[in-house]
Amino acid sequence: MGRPASTLVRAVRHVGWYWASLLGDNHYQRYVEYRRRAHPGEPVLSERDYWRRRHEADPGVRCC
């Protein structure tokens, strides 16, 4: 793979990451990483509970 191809792959990955951030796809993963780093040994919410609490805290965020 040449340099232009590797640059294109990197650019596509960055766009994918940005798109996932906009849609909220990586919010739970960021939460898990934060909890493990800031509060080691403490329990981490399941993904289902995380989203439930997130929507309960700010019901205006939901689209439907």
C-alpha atoms as a PDB file:
ATOM      1  CA  MET A   1       0.000   0.000   0.000  1.00  0.00           C
ATOM      2  CA  GLY A   2       1.469   3.310  -1.079  1.00  0.00           C
ATOM      3  CA  ARG A   3       1.455   6.578   0.759  1.00  0.00           C
ATOM      4  CA  PRO A   4      -1.670   8.004  -0.957  1.00  0.00           C
ATOM      5  CA  ALA A   5      -3.603   4.840  -0.135  1.00  0.00           C
ATOM      6  CA  SER A   6      -2.555   4.896   3.531  1.00  0.00           C
ATOM      7  CA  THR A   7      -3.506   8.579   3.719  1.00  0.00           C
ATOM      8  CA  LEU A   8      -6.906   7.752   2.264  1.00  0.00           C
ATOM      9  CA  VAL A   9      -7.416   4.901   4.757  1.00  0.00           C
ATOM     10  CA  ARG A  10      -6.524   7.231   7.631  1.00  0.00           C
ATOM     11  CA  ALA A  11      -8.910   9.883   6.343  1.00  0.00           C
ATOM     12  CA  VAL A  12     -11.754   7.364   6.037  1.00  0.00           C
ATOM     13  CA  ARG A  13     -11.128   6.180   9.610  1.00  0.00           C
ATOM     14  CA  HIS A  14     -11.252   9.754  10.891  1.00  0.00           C
ATOM     15  CA  VAL A  15     -14.508  10.426   9.046  1.00  0.00           C
ATOM     16  CA  GLY A  16     -15.944   7.181  10.467  1.00  0.00           C
ATOM     17  CA  TRP A  17     -14.933   8.164  13.989  1.00  0.00           C
ATOM     18  CA  TYR A  18     -16.437  11.647  13.558  1.00  0.00           C
ATOM     19  CA  TRP A  19     -19.689  10.243  12.162  1.00  0.00           C
ATOM     20  CA  ALA A  20     -19.941   7.739  15.035  1.00  0.00           C
ATOM     21  CA  SER A  21     -19.389  10.593  17.501  1.00  0.00           C
ATOM     22  CA  LEU A  22     -22.193  12.627  15.958  1.00  0.00           C
ATOM     23  CA  LEU A  23     -24.592   9.699  16.139  1.00  0.00           C
ATOM     24  CA  GLY A  24     -23.563   8.715  19.651  1.00  0.00           C
ATOM     25  CA  ASP A  25     -22.216   5.313  18.660  1.00  0.00           C
ATOM     26  CA  ASN A  26     -19.082   5.668  20.771  1.00  0.00           C
ATOM     27  CA  HIS A  27     -20.546   7.427  23.830  1.00  0.00           C
ATOM     28  CA  TYR A  28     -20.897   4.221  25.821  1.00  0.00           C
ATOM     29  CA  GLN A  29     -17.344   3.133  24.997  1.00  0.00           C
ATOM     30  CA  ARG A  30     -16.013   6.529  26.110  1.00  0.00           C
ATOM     31  CA  TYR A  31     -18.048   6.207  29.335  1.00  0.00           C
ATOM     32  CA  VAL A  32     -16.546   2.754  30.030  1.00  0.00           C
ATOM     33  CA  GLU A  33     -13.007   4.000  29.390  1.00  0.00           C
ATOM     34  CA  TYR A  34     -13.584   6.986  31.681  1.00  0.00           C
ATOM     35  CA  ARG A  35     -15.067   4.881  34.500  1.00  0.00           C
ATOM     36  CA  ARG A  36     -12.199   2.387  34.386  1.00  0.00           C
ATOM     37  CA  ARG A  37      -9.614   5.166  34.358  1.00  0.00           C
ATOM     38  CA  ALA A  38     -11.199   7.514  36.935  1.00  0.00           C
ATOM     39  CA  HIS A  39     -12.912   4.971  39.194  1.00  0.00           C
ATOM     40  CA  PRO A  40     -10.983   1.690  38.972  1.00  0.00           C
ATOM     41  CA  GLY A  41     -12.620  -1.241  40.705  1.00  0.00           C
ATOM     42  CA  GLU A  42     -16.067   0.358  40.759  1.00  0.00           C
ATOM     43  CA  PRO A  43     -18.918  -1.183  38.771  1.00  0.00           C
ATOM     44  CA  VAL A  44     -19.694   0.035  35.259  1.00  0.00           C
ATOM     45  CA  LEU A  45     -23.269   0.339  34.012  1.00  0.00           C
ATOM     46  CA  SER A  46     -24.377  -2.051  31.304  1.00  0.00           C
ATOM     47  CA  GLU A  47     -24.868  -0.389  27.932  1.00  0.00           C
ATOM     48  CA  ARG A  48     -28.634  -0.683  28.304  1.00  0.00           C
ATOM     49  CA  ASP A  49     -28.612   0.989  31.733  1.00  0.00           C
ATOM     50  CA  TYR A  50     -26.214   3.655  30.508  1.00  0.00           C
ATOM     51  CA  TRP A  51     -28.564   4.720  27.688  1.00  0.00           C
ATOM     52  CA  ARG A  52     -31.619   4.525  29.936  1.00  0.00           C
ATOM     53  CA  ARG A  53     -30.044   6.847  32.504  1.00  0.00           C
ATOM     54  CA  ARG A  54     -28.715   9.160  29.836  1.00  0.00           C
ATOM     55  CA  HIS A  55     -32.167   9.626  28.314  1.00  0.00           C
ATOM     56  CA  GLU A  56     -33.826   9.996  31.714  1.00  0.00           C
ATOM     57  CA  ALA A  57     -31.364  12.746  32.627  1.00  0.00           C
ATOM     58  CA  ASP A  58     -32.090  14.757  29.477  1.00  0.00           C
ATOM     59  CA  PRO A  59     -35.314  13.684  27.771  1.00  0.00           C
ATOM     60  CA  GLY A  60     -35.066  16.527  25.253  1.00  0.00           C
ATOM     61  CA  VAL A  61     -32.163  14.772  23.526  1.00  0.00           C
ATOM     62  CA  ARG A  62     -34.315  11.987  22.068  1.00  0.00           C
ATOM     63  CA  CYS A  63     -35.606  12.388  18.567  1.00  0.00           C
ATOM     64  CA  CYS A  64     -38.807  10.393  19.062  1.00  0.00           C
END
